[in-house]
Protein backbone atom coordinates (compact mmCIF):
# COMPACT_ATOMS: atom_id res chain seq x y z
CA MET A 1 4.85 2.17 -19.05
CA GLU A 2 3.25 5.59 -19.21
CA THR A 3 3.85 7.91 -16.26
CA ASN A 4 1.06 9.75 -14.42
CA ARG A 5 2.19 13.38 -14.65
CA ARG A 6 0.47 14.45 -11.41
CA THR A 7 1.97 11.78 -9.12
CA ASN A 8 4.92 10.57 -11.24
CA HIS A 9 3.96 6.89 -10.97
CA GLN A 10 3.40 4.28 -13.67
CA THR A 11 0.76 2.07 -12.05
CA GLU A 12 -1.53 2.17 -9.06
CA GLU A 13 -2.77 -0.93 -7.22
CA MET A 14 -4.81 -1.78 -4.17
CA ILE A 15 -2.71 -3.94 -1.86
CA LEU A 16 -4.80 -6.06 0.50
CA VAL A 17 -3.59 -6.86 4.00
CA SER A 18 -5.86 -8.61 6.52
CA ASP A 19 -9.03 -7.81 4.53
CA VAL A 20 -8.29 -4.10 4.12
CA GLY A 21 -6.60 -2.38 1.22
CA TYR A 22 -4.33 0.57 0.73
CA THR A 23 -3.62 2.21 -2.63
CA CYS A 24 0.03 1.91 -3.60
CA LEU A 25 1.92 3.69 -6.36
CA PHE A 26 4.49 1.77 -8.40
CA ARG A 27 7.34 3.51 -10.19
CA CYS A 28 9.70 1.72 -12.54
CA ASP A 29 13.26 2.96 -12.94
CA PRO A 30 15.20 2.75 -16.24
CA ALA A 31 16.74 -0.57 -15.13
CA GLY A 32 13.28 -2.11 -14.65
CA ARG A 33 13.30 -2.15 -10.85
CA PHE A 34 10.23 -0.98 -8.94
CA GLN A 35 9.77 1.43 -6.06
CA VAL A 36 6.43 1.39 -4.24
CA THR A 37 4.89 4.01 -1.94
CA CYS A 38 1.50 4.27 -0.22
CA PRO A 39 0.04 7.79 0.08
CA LYS A 40 -1.92 7.01 3.29
CA LEU A 41 1.03 5.17 4.85
CA VAL A 42 3.83 7.65 4.34
CA SER A 43 6.42 5.53 6.21
CA VAL A 44 5.94 2.61 3.81
CA ILE A 45 8.35 2.25 0.93
CA ALA A 46 9.35 -0.98 -0.80
CA PHE A 47 11.45 -2.10 -3.73
CA GLY A 48 11.54 -5.06 -6.07
CA GLU A 49 13.53 -6.30 -9.05
CA ASN A 50 10.19 -6.84 -10.79
CA ILE A 51 6.56 -5.96 -10.11
CA ALA A 52 5.81 -9.29 -8.39
CA GLN A 53 8.69 -8.81 -5.95
CA ALA A 54 7.62 -5.21 -5.37
CA ARG A 55 4.03 -6.31 -4.57
CA ALA A 56 5.25 -8.91 -2.07
CA ALA A 57 7.69 -6.45 -0.49
CA VAL A 58 5.12 -3.68 -0.05
CA ARG A 59 2.58 -6.12 1.43
CA GLU A 60 5.19 -7.12 4.05
CA GLU A 61 6.03 -3.45 4.73
CA ILE A 62 2.35 -2.55 5.18
CA GLU A 63 1.80 -5.47 7.58
CA ALA A 64 4.84 -4.51 9.65
CA TYR A 65 3.93 -0.81 9.71
CA LEU A 66 0.29 -1.44 10.72
CA MET A 67 1.43 -3.84 13.45
CA SER A 68 3.87 -1.28 14.83
CA LEU A 69 1.15 1.38 14.89
CA TYR A 70 -1.20 -1.01 16.69
CA GLU A 71 1.43 -2.05 19.24
CA GLU A 72 2.35 1.57 19.96
CA GLY A 73 -1.30 2.57 20.32
CA GLU A 74 -0.98 4.97 17.39
CA HIS A 75 -3.73 5.93 14.96
CA ILE A 76 -4.08 3.50 12.04
CA PRO A 77 -4.94 5.37 8.83
CA GLU A 78 -8.31 4.53 7.34
CA PRO A 79 -7.88 2.04 4.51
CA ASP A 80 -8.88 2.82 0.94
CA TYR A 81 -10.86 -0.41 0.91
CA ALA A 82 -12.59 -2.41 3.63
CA PRO A 83 -15.31 -5.00 3.05
CA SER A 84 -18.77 -3.86 4.14
CA TRP A 85 -19.10 -6.77 6.58
CA ARG A 86 -16.24 -5.36 8.67
CA PHE A 87 -18.27 -2.28 9.54
CA GLY A 88 -21.80 -3.60 9.06
CA SER A 89 -22.75 -3.50 12.75
CA ALA A 90 -21.44 0.05 13.13
CA LEU A 91 -23.45 1.27 10.17
CA GLY A 92 -26.71 -0.20 11.50
């Protein structure tokens, strides 16, 4: 995999959780294991032995982090993707 020189990641994917998506950066180490971070969710970091495990792990981490923010009454970062129907009434 080629590495993005600016962010030092190999691939970037939108991870969907409850109809919203956050961009996540996947890095592969020399042994083939993946580390995943989410720029808008700085507390989220996940690992996987392969990219499928890393996707599943980061989805779980995002869900848990968003739930903890909600339960604590903290600000939830704006997602990178949200379907238009979610905000349709607010947009008029």
